[in-house]
N, C-alpha and C. Protein backbone atom coordinates (compact mmCIF):
# COMPACT_ATOMS: atom_id res chain seq x y z
N UNK A 1 0.78 -1.27 -0.06
CA UNK A 1 -0.06 0.05 0.03
C UNK A 1 0.84 1.28 0.04
N UNK A 2 1.91 1.25 0.73
CA UNK A 2 2.79 2.57 0.74
C UNK A 2 3.50 2.71 -0.51
N UNK A 3 3.73 1.66 -1.45
CA UNK A 3 4.59 1.56 -2.67
C UNK A 3 3.32 2.32 -3.43
N UNK A 4 2.32 2.05 -3.48
CA UNK A 4 1.37 2.57 -4.33
C UNK A 4 1.03 4.12 -4.16
N UNK A 5 0.87 4.41 -2.74
CA UNK A 5 0.96 5.91 -2.44
C UNK A 5 1.97 6.64 -3.06
N UNK A 6 3.37 6.11 -2.60
CA UNK A 6 4.43 6.52 -3.18
C UNK A 6 4.38 6.99 -4.76
N UNK A 7 4.09 6.20 -5.62
CA UNK A 7 3.90 5.99 -6.76
C UNK A 7 2.85 7.34 -7.19
N UNK A 8 1.51 7.29 -6.65
CA UNK A 8 0.76 8.36 -6.83
C UNK A 8 1.24 9.70 -6.52
N UNK A 9 1.97 9.75 -5.39
CA UNK A 9 2.47 11.14 -4.75
C UNK A 9 3.60 11.61 -6.02
N UNK A 10 4.42 10.60 -6.54
CA UNK A 10 5.32 10.92 -7.64
C UNK A 10 4.93 11.33 -8.79
N UNK A 11 3.58 10.72 -9.23
CA UNK A 11 2.96 11.19 -10.27
C UNK A 11 2.30 12.61 -10.32
N UNK A 12 1.87 12.77 -9.26
CA UNK A 12 1.24 14.13 -9.02
C UNK A 12 2.22 15.29 -8.67
N UNK A 13 3.24 14.88 -8.20
CA UNK A 13 4.41 15.96 -7.98
C UNK A 13 4.68 16.77 -9.03
N UNK A 14 4.79 15.92 -10.20
CA UNK A 14 5.14 16.76 -11.54
C UNK A 14 4.14 17.56 -12.17
N UNK A 15 2.80 17.56 -11.74
CA UNK A 15 1.78 18.22 -12.39
C UNK A 15 1.81 20.02 -11.65
N UNK A 16 1.69 20.60 -12.69
CA UNK A 16 1.46 21.94 -12.12
C UNK A 16 0.35 22.52 -11.52
N UNK A 17 -0.58 21.84 -11.76
CA UNK A 17 -1.75 22.17 -10.87
C UNK A 17 -2.04 20.82 -9.96
N UNK A 18 -1.72 20.59 -8.85
CA UNK A 18 -1.94 19.59 -8.00
C UNK A 18 -3.32 19.01 -8.01
N UNK A 19 -4.16 19.94 -7.87
CA UNK A 19 -5.52 19.76 -7.60
C UNK A 19 -6.43 19.23 -9.07
N UNK A 20 -5.71 19.26 -10.13
CA UNK A 20 -6.24 19.05 -11.55
C UNK A 20 -6.78 17.55 -11.73
N UNK A 21 -8.02 17.35 -12.06
CA UNK A 21 -8.29 15.98 -12.47
C UNK A 21 -7.71 15.46 -13.71
N UNK A 22 -7.24 14.25 -13.71
CA UNK A 22 -6.77 13.70 -14.96
C UNK A 22 -8.03 13.27 -15.75
N UNK A 23 -8.67 12.61 -14.91
CA UNK A 23 -9.79 12.02 -15.63
C UNK A 23 -11.28 11.99 -14.62
N UNK A 24 -12.37 11.78 -15.32
CA UNK A 24 -13.60 12.02 -14.50
C UNK A 24 -14.37 10.51 -14.83
N UNK A 25 -15.10 10.04 -13.71
CA UNK A 25 -15.57 8.67 -13.59
C UNK A 25 -17.07 9.02 -13.59
N UNK A 26 -17.98 8.83 -14.88
CA UNK A 26 -19.20 9.00 -15.04
C UNK A 26 -20.20 8.15 -14.44
N UNK A 27 -21.28 8.95 -14.04
CA UNK A 27 -22.28 8.00 -13.26
C UNK A 27 -22.78 6.80 -14.25
N UNK A 28 -23.49 5.87 -13.66
CA UNK A 28 -23.98 4.66 -14.44
C UNK A 28 -24.96 5.21 -15.66
N UNK A 29 -25.91 6.08 -15.21
CA UNK A 29 -26.85 6.60 -16.01
C UNK A 29 -26.25 7.16 -17.41
N UNK A 30 -25.08 8.12 -17.03
CA UNK A 30 -24.46 8.60 -18.02
C UNK A 30 -24.00 7.72 -19.08
N UNK A 31 -23.30 6.75 -18.52
CA UNK A 31 -22.49 5.56 -19.37
C UNK A 31 -23.69 4.96 -19.91
N UNK A 32 -24.71 4.56 -19.43
CA UNK A 32 -25.70 3.90 -20.20
C UNK A 32 -26.38 4.64 -21.42
N UNK A 33 -26.37 6.08 -21.40
CA UNK A 33 -26.93 6.72 -22.53
C UNK A 33 -25.88 6.62 -23.54
N UNK A 34 -24.45 6.80 -22.99
CA UNK A 34 -23.51 6.72 -24.16
C UNK A 34 -23.34 5.22 -24.79
N UNK A 35 -23.78 4.38 -23.99
CA UNK A 35 -23.95 3.09 -24.63
C UNK A 35 -24.81 2.96 -25.81
N UNK A 36 -25.93 3.42 -25.42
CA UNK A 36 -27.19 3.53 -26.43
C UNK A 36 -26.79 4.22 -27.73
N UNK A 37 -26.02 5.56 -27.69
CA UNK A 37 -25.66 6.45 -28.72
C UNK A 37 -24.57 5.70 -29.29
N UNK A 38 -23.54 4.99 -28.69
CA UNK A 38 -22.53 4.22 -29.35
C UNK A 38 -23.09 3.03 -30.42
N UNK A 39 -24.08 2.34 -29.77
CA UNK A 39 -24.78 1.13 -30.51
C UNK A 39 -25.61 2.02 -31.61
N UNK A 40 -26.23 2.78 -31.41
CA UNK A 40 -26.92 3.15 -32.51
C UNK A 40 -26.30 3.93 -33.69
N UNK A 41 -25.11 4.56 -33.26
CA UNK A 41 -24.17 5.37 -34.26
C UNK A 41 -23.34 4.45 -35.07
N UNK A 42 -22.73 3.80 -34.47
CA UNK A 42 -21.59 2.88 -34.85
C UNK A 42 -21.99 1.20 -35.06
N UNK A 43 -23.11 0.76 -34.75
CA UNK A 43 -23.48 -0.46 -34.94
C UNK A 43 -22.88 -1.64 -34.19
N UNK A 44 -22.93 -2.78 -34.57
CA UNK A 44 -22.20 -3.64 -33.68
C UNK A 44 -20.57 -3.89 -33.36
N UNK A 45 -20.36 -4.18 -32.29
CA UNK A 45 -18.80 -4.30 -32.30
C UNK A 45 -18.40 -5.59 -32.11
N UNK A 46 -17.39 -5.90 -32.76
CA UNK A 46 -16.72 -7.28 -32.70
C UNK A 46 -15.66 -7.57 -31.71
N UNK A 47 -15.40 -6.47 -30.68
CA UNK A 47 -14.65 -6.72 -29.48
C UNK A 47 -14.83 -5.68 -28.37
N UNK A 48 -14.50 -5.94 -27.29
CA UNK A 48 -14.81 -5.25 -25.98
C UNK A 48 -14.13 -3.84 -26.29
N UNK A 49 -13.02 -3.89 -26.82
CA UNK A 49 -12.02 -2.76 -26.89
C UNK A 49 -12.62 -2.03 -27.82
N UNK A 50 -13.23 -2.19 -28.82
CA UNK A 50 -13.78 -1.54 -29.75
C UNK A 50 -15.02 -0.87 -29.36
N UNK A 51 -15.84 -1.49 -28.49
CA UNK A 51 -17.05 -1.14 -27.71
C UNK A 51 -16.73 0.16 -26.86
N UNK A 52 -15.69 -0.39 -25.80
CA UNK A 52 -15.20 0.62 -24.95
C UNK A 52 -14.79 2.05 -25.81
N UNK A 53 -14.07 1.90 -26.76
CA UNK A 53 -13.77 2.96 -27.69
C UNK A 53 -14.56 4.04 -27.82
N UNK A 54 -15.70 3.48 -28.61
CA UNK A 54 -16.90 4.07 -29.10
C UNK A 54 -17.73 4.69 -27.98
N UNK A 55 -17.79 4.05 -26.89
CA UNK A 55 -18.48 4.62 -25.75
C UNK A 55 -17.75 5.74 -25.18
N UNK A 56 -16.42 5.57 -24.84
CA UNK A 56 -15.70 6.67 -24.32
C UNK A 56 -15.80 7.85 -25.19
N UNK A 57 -15.63 7.78 -26.43
CA UNK A 57 -15.78 8.81 -27.55
C UNK A 57 -17.37 9.63 -27.41
N UNK A 58 -18.21 8.75 -27.13
CA UNK A 58 -19.66 9.26 -26.95
C UNK A 58 -19.68 10.03 -25.62
N UNK A 59 -19.01 9.50 -24.53
CA UNK A 59 -18.88 10.16 -23.20
C UNK A 59 -18.26 11.45 -23.31
N UNK A 60 -17.08 11.48 -24.23
CA UNK A 60 -16.20 12.74 -24.18
C UNK A 60 -16.80 13.94 -25.10
N UNK A 61 -17.99 13.50 -25.63
CA UNK A 61 -18.78 14.48 -26.42
C UNK A 61 -19.09 15.65 -25.46
N UNK A 62 -19.56 15.10 -24.31
CA UNK A 62 -20.19 15.99 -23.32
C UNK A 62 -19.20 16.31 -22.24
N UNK A 63 -18.26 15.22 -21.88
CA UNK A 63 -17.28 15.56 -20.99
C UNK A 63 -15.90 15.17 -21.25
N UNK A 64 -14.90 15.94 -21.62
CA UNK A 64 -13.67 15.57 -22.23
C UNK A 64 -12.97 14.84 -21.36
N UNK A 65 -12.97 14.79 -19.86
CA UNK A 65 -12.27 13.86 -19.18
C UNK A 65 -12.95 12.49 -18.60
N UNK A 66 -14.05 12.28 -19.41
CA UNK A 66 -14.82 11.08 -18.89
C UNK A 66 -14.15 9.66 -19.42
N UNK A 67 -14.08 8.81 -18.47
CA UNK A 67 -13.65 7.48 -19.10
C UNK A 67 -14.32 6.33 -18.22
N UNK A 68 -14.38 5.28 -18.81
CA UNK A 68 -14.80 3.90 -18.10
C UNK A 68 -14.04 2.91 -18.54
N UNK A 69 -13.74 1.97 -17.58
CA UNK A 69 -13.27 0.86 -17.58
C UNK A 69 -14.02 -0.41 -18.42
N UNK A 70 -13.40 -1.20 -19.17
CA UNK A 70 -13.99 -2.45 -19.54
C UNK A 70 -15.08 -3.37 -18.76
N UNK A 71 -14.69 -3.50 -17.74
CA UNK A 71 -15.38 -4.44 -16.84
C UNK A 71 -16.72 -3.79 -16.34
N UNK A 72 -16.61 -2.54 -15.96
CA UNK A 72 -17.79 -1.70 -15.70
C UNK A 72 -18.48 -1.43 -16.68
N UNK A 73 -18.09 -1.09 -17.80
CA UNK A 73 -18.68 -0.72 -19.09
C UNK A 73 -19.69 -2.07 -19.29
N UNK A 74 -19.03 -3.33 -19.28
CA UNK A 74 -19.97 -4.55 -19.56
C UNK A 74 -20.92 -4.72 -18.75
N UNK A 75 -20.63 -4.41 -17.39
CA UNK A 75 -21.93 -4.75 -16.34
C UNK A 75 -22.95 -3.69 -16.45
N UNK A 76 -22.58 -2.34 -16.73
CA UNK A 76 -23.67 -1.54 -16.83
C UNK A 76 -24.23 -1.70 -18.13
N UNK A 77 -23.70 -1.99 -19.51
CA UNK A 77 -24.49 -2.37 -20.65
C UNK A 77 -25.45 -3.64 -20.31
N UNK A 78 -24.89 -4.85 -19.69
CA UNK A 78 -25.69 -5.79 -19.31
C UNK A 78 -26.97 -5.40 -18.43
N UNK A 79 -26.76 -4.73 -17.56
CA UNK A 79 -27.86 -4.19 -16.74
C UNK A 79 -28.87 -3.58 -17.24
N UNK A 80 -28.55 -2.75 -18.42
CA UNK A 80 -29.38 -1.87 -19.03
C UNK A 80 -30.33 -2.51 -20.04
N UNK A 81 -29.97 -3.80 -20.34
CA UNK A 81 -30.65 -4.68 -21.19
C UNK A 81 -30.97 -3.98 -22.61
N UNK A 82 -29.82 -3.07 -22.99
CA UNK A 82 -30.22 -2.42 -24.41
C UNK A 82 -29.36 -3.20 -25.37
N UNK A 83 -28.44 -4.03 -24.92
CA UNK A 83 -27.50 -4.60 -25.80
C UNK A 83 -27.79 -6.24 -25.89
N UNK A 84 -27.13 -6.82 -26.91
CA UNK A 84 -27.22 -8.22 -27.07
C UNK A 84 -25.64 -8.79 -26.82
N UNK A 85 -25.33 -9.51 -26.07
CA UNK A 85 -23.76 -10.06 -25.88
C UNK A 85 -23.75 -11.40 -26.56
N UNK A 86 -22.85 -11.61 -27.33
CA UNK A 86 -22.22 -13.08 -27.53
C UNK A 86 -20.85 -13.18 -27.21
N UNK A 87 -20.59 -14.73 -26.73
CA UNK A 87 -19.25 -14.93 -26.11
C UNK A 87 -18.83 -15.88 -27.20
N UNK A 88 -17.40 -15.84 -27.41
CA UNK A 88 -16.55 -16.92 -27.73
C UNK A 88 -15.58 -17.16 -26.89
N UNK A 89 -15.46 -18.50 -26.49
CA UNK A 89 -14.78 -18.93 -25.42
C UNK A 89 -13.05 -19.70 -25.88
N UNK A 90 -12.41 -19.72 -24.76
CA UNK A 90 -11.14 -20.35 -25.16
C UNK A 90 -11.12 -21.37 -23.85
N UNK A 91 -9.98 -22.18 -23.88
CA UNK A 91 -9.62 -23.15 -22.78
C UNK A 91 -8.83 -22.15 -21.70
N UNK A 92 -8.99 -22.48 -20.38
CA UNK A 92 -8.82 -21.50 -19.38
C UNK A 92 -7.87 -22.44 -18.70
N UNK A 93 -7.36 -22.09 -17.46
CA UNK A 93 -6.75 -22.95 -16.38
C UNK A 93 -7.28 -22.69 -15.11
N UNK A 94 -7.33 -23.69 -14.33
CA UNK A 94 -8.01 -23.75 -13.20
C UNK A 94 -9.37 -23.88 -13.00
N UNK A 95 -10.01 -23.80 -11.66
CA UNK A 95 -11.39 -23.96 -11.65
C UNK A 95 -12.13 -22.60 -11.75
N UNK A 96 -13.34 -22.36 -12.09
CA UNK A 96 -14.14 -21.39 -12.23
C UNK A 96 -14.66 -20.90 -10.71
N UNK A 97 -14.44 -19.80 -10.55
CA UNK A 97 -15.01 -19.39 -9.09
C UNK A 97 -16.50 -19.22 -9.02
N UNK A 98 -17.06 -18.84 -8.14
CA UNK A 98 -18.47 -18.74 -7.95
C UNK A 98 -19.22 -17.57 -8.62
N UNK A 99 -18.18 -16.58 -8.91
CA UNK A 99 -18.64 -15.41 -9.55
C UNK A 99 -18.47 -15.62 -11.07
N UNK A 100 -19.71 -14.95 -11.84
CA UNK A 100 -19.46 -15.09 -13.23
C UNK A 100 -18.29 -14.03 -13.84
N UNK A 101 -17.53 -14.59 -14.61
CA UNK A 101 -16.49 -13.66 -15.32
C UNK A 101 -17.19 -12.60 -16.16
N UNK A 102 -18.40 -12.73 -16.60
CA UNK A 102 -18.92 -11.75 -17.37
C UNK A 102 -19.62 -10.53 -16.92
N UNK A 103 -20.50 -10.89 -15.91
CA UNK A 103 -21.29 -9.86 -15.21
C UNK A 103 -21.00 -9.57 -13.77
N UNK A 104 -20.49 -10.64 -13.16
CA UNK A 104 -20.09 -10.65 -11.73
C UNK A 104 -21.40 -11.48 -10.93
N UNK A 105 -22.40 -11.74 -11.59
CA UNK A 105 -23.45 -12.67 -10.83
C UNK A 105 -22.95 -14.06 -10.37
N UNK A 106 -23.93 -14.47 -9.58
CA UNK A 106 -23.60 -15.87 -9.03
C UNK A 106 -23.91 -16.93 -9.90
N UNK A 107 -22.99 -18.00 -10.14
CA UNK A 107 -23.18 -19.00 -11.09
C UNK A 107 -23.80 -20.13 -10.41
N UNK A 108 -24.56 -20.66 -11.26
CA UNK A 108 -25.31 -21.83 -10.93
C UNK A 108 -24.71 -23.16 -11.61
N UNK A 109 -24.83 -24.19 -11.01
CA UNK A 109 -24.26 -25.52 -11.54
C UNK A 109 -25.14 -26.24 -12.67
N UNK A 110 -24.86 -26.65 -13.44
CA UNK A 110 -25.85 -27.25 -14.28
C UNK A 110 -25.49 -28.89 -14.20
N UNK A 111 -26.41 -29.63 -13.74
CA UNK A 111 -26.37 -30.93 -13.49
C UNK A 111 -27.16 -31.97 -14.27
N UNK A 112 -26.48 -33.17 -14.32
CA UNK A 112 -27.19 -34.16 -15.44
C UNK A 112 -27.42 -35.37 -14.40
N UNK A 113 -28.22 -36.29 -14.77
CA UNK A 113 -28.36 -37.60 -14.06
C UNK A 113 -27.85 -38.70 -15.01
N UNK A 114 -26.89 -39.45 -14.29
CA UNK A 114 -26.40 -40.53 -14.90
C UNK A 114 -27.22 -41.73 -15.10
N UNK A 115 -26.43 -42.69 -15.61
CA UNK A 115 -27.40 -44.00 -15.58
C UNK A 115 -27.57 -44.77 -14.24
N UNK A 116 -26.75 -44.32 -13.58
CA UNK A 116 -26.67 -44.80 -12.22
C UNK A 116 -27.57 -43.86 -11.15
N UNK A 117 -28.15 -43.30 -11.78
CA UNK A 117 -29.26 -42.42 -11.15
C UNK A 117 -28.48 -41.54 -9.94
N UNK A 118 -27.36 -41.22 -10.21
CA UNK A 118 -26.44 -40.18 -9.63
C UNK A 118 -26.40 -38.71 -10.29
N UNK A 119 -26.14 -37.83 -9.73
CA UNK A 119 -26.08 -36.51 -10.39
C UNK A 119 -24.68 -35.97 -10.45
N UNK A 120 -24.43 -35.46 -11.61
CA UNK A 120 -23.02 -34.85 -12.05
C UNK A 120 -23.36 -33.46 -12.35
N UNK A 121 -22.13 -32.67 -12.09
CA UNK A 121 -21.92 -31.28 -12.54
C UNK A 121 -21.63 -31.48 -13.97
N UNK A 122 -22.29 -30.94 -14.74
CA UNK A 122 -21.56 -30.85 -16.29
C UNK A 122 -21.38 -29.54 -16.74
N UNK A 123 -21.59 -28.46 -16.11
CA UNK A 123 -21.04 -27.28 -16.46
C UNK A 123 -21.63 -26.03 -15.48
N UNK A 124 -21.50 -24.84 -15.82
CA UNK A 124 -22.06 -23.76 -15.17
C UNK A 124 -22.73 -22.76 -15.89
N UNK A 125 -23.69 -22.13 -15.20
CA UNK A 125 -24.42 -20.95 -16.01
C UNK A 125 -24.56 -19.78 -15.27
N UNK A 126 -24.84 -18.67 -15.83
CA UNK A 126 -25.25 -17.40 -15.10
C UNK A 126 -26.63 -17.04 -15.46
N UNK A 127 -27.38 -16.93 -14.28
CA UNK A 127 -28.86 -16.68 -14.80
C UNK A 127 -28.97 -15.15 -15.09
N UNK A 128 -28.07 -14.46 -15.02
CA UNK A 128 -28.12 -12.78 -15.39
C UNK A 128 -27.88 -12.59 -16.65
N UNK A 129 -26.82 -13.58 -17.23
CA UNK A 129 -26.47 -13.05 -18.56
C UNK A 129 -26.37 -14.29 -19.49
N UNK A 130 -25.43 -14.09 -20.36
CA UNK A 130 -25.40 -15.45 -21.38
C UNK A 130 -24.20 -16.25 -21.07
N UNK A 131 -23.62 -16.05 -20.12
CA UNK A 131 -22.31 -16.93 -19.96
C UNK A 131 -23.06 -18.47 -19.34
N UNK A 132 -22.40 -19.47 -20.38
CA UNK A 132 -22.55 -21.08 -20.04
C UNK A 132 -21.56 -21.48 -20.55
N UNK A 133 -20.91 -22.45 -19.83
CA UNK A 133 -19.92 -23.18 -20.18
C UNK A 133 -20.17 -24.62 -19.71
N UNK A 134 -19.81 -25.56 -20.86
CA UNK A 134 -19.89 -27.01 -20.72
C UNK A 134 -18.76 -27.65 -19.81
N UNK A 135 -17.58 -26.92 -19.33
CA UNK A 135 -16.48 -27.33 -18.52
C UNK A 135 -16.08 -26.26 -17.75
N UNK A 136 -15.27 -26.58 -16.55
CA UNK A 136 -14.72 -25.82 -15.78
C UNK A 136 -13.69 -24.96 -16.37
N UNK A 137 -13.03 -25.48 -17.45
CA UNK A 137 -12.03 -24.94 -18.21
C UNK A 137 -12.16 -23.70 -19.21
N UNK A 138 -13.46 -23.59 -19.67
CA UNK A 138 -13.90 -22.61 -20.69
C UNK A 138 -13.84 -21.13 -20.02
N UNK A 139 -13.31 -20.10 -20.63
CA UNK A 139 -13.28 -18.82 -20.19
C UNK A 139 -13.68 -17.93 -21.32
N UNK A 140 -14.37 -16.83 -21.18
CA UNK A 140 -14.65 -15.89 -22.27
C UNK A 140 -13.50 -15.39 -22.96
N UNK A 141 -13.43 -15.41 -24.14
CA UNK A 141 -12.18 -14.92 -25.02
C UNK A 141 -12.52 -13.59 -25.57
N UNK A 142 -13.77 -13.44 -26.18
CA UNK A 142 -14.19 -12.17 -27.03
C UNK A 142 -15.64 -12.05 -26.91
N UNK A 143 -15.76 -10.83 -26.48
CA UNK A 143 -17.15 -10.42 -26.30
C UNK A 143 -17.78 -9.47 -27.38
N UNK A 144 -18.89 -9.80 -28.15
CA UNK A 144 -19.34 -8.98 -29.17
C UNK A 144 -20.62 -8.46 -28.72
N UNK A 145 -20.67 -7.22 -28.97
CA UNK A 145 -21.96 -6.58 -28.75
C UNK A 145 -22.64 -5.95 -29.90
N UNK A 146 -23.95 -5.86 -29.60
CA UNK A 146 -24.78 -5.46 -30.78
C UNK A 146 -26.29 -4.97 -29.90
N UNK A 147 -26.97 -4.42 -30.62
CA UNK A 147 -28.22 -3.73 -30.32
C UNK A 147 -29.32 -4.75 -29.91
N UNK A 148 -30.07 -4.81 -29.08
CA UNK A 148 -30.89 -5.78 -28.84
C UNK A 148 -32.07 -5.66 -29.57
N UNK A 149 -32.44 -6.76 -30.20
CA UNK A 149 -33.85 -6.83 -30.96
C UNK A 149 -35.22 -6.72 -30.14
N UNK A 150 -36.11 -5.72 -30.30
CA UNK A 150 -37.26 -5.79 -29.52
C UNK A 150 -38.27 -6.76 -29.98
């Protein structure tokens, strides 16, 4: 913690105006409006990086210092229910935590009954978003965002 504080002090020591903001974190509602504007103006996005770039551009039209991180943007966009999200998966390492890697929701185990009448876990799914995986080792690799059809 002390190292982080020293780095922060060193970074702000070179500023001519110590109280100046380098960036501004907008409210969730402002981000949701920017998401809608970006989706309507620029269409579908094949990566999370492209999507974030378009949303930050829309935010900066009204506030030049506004910015938003990829994970927060993804969570806000999913909660707003204005977008359709598609996932491409890749093999990962280790076990899946109990938290969804896409939206942060609680994962639910998908079970199946065997011929011996026992149940086994065949995968995991998130009840809040589109994350479903047939094994413990599958992780989201690419997020694709588009407008939700009504």
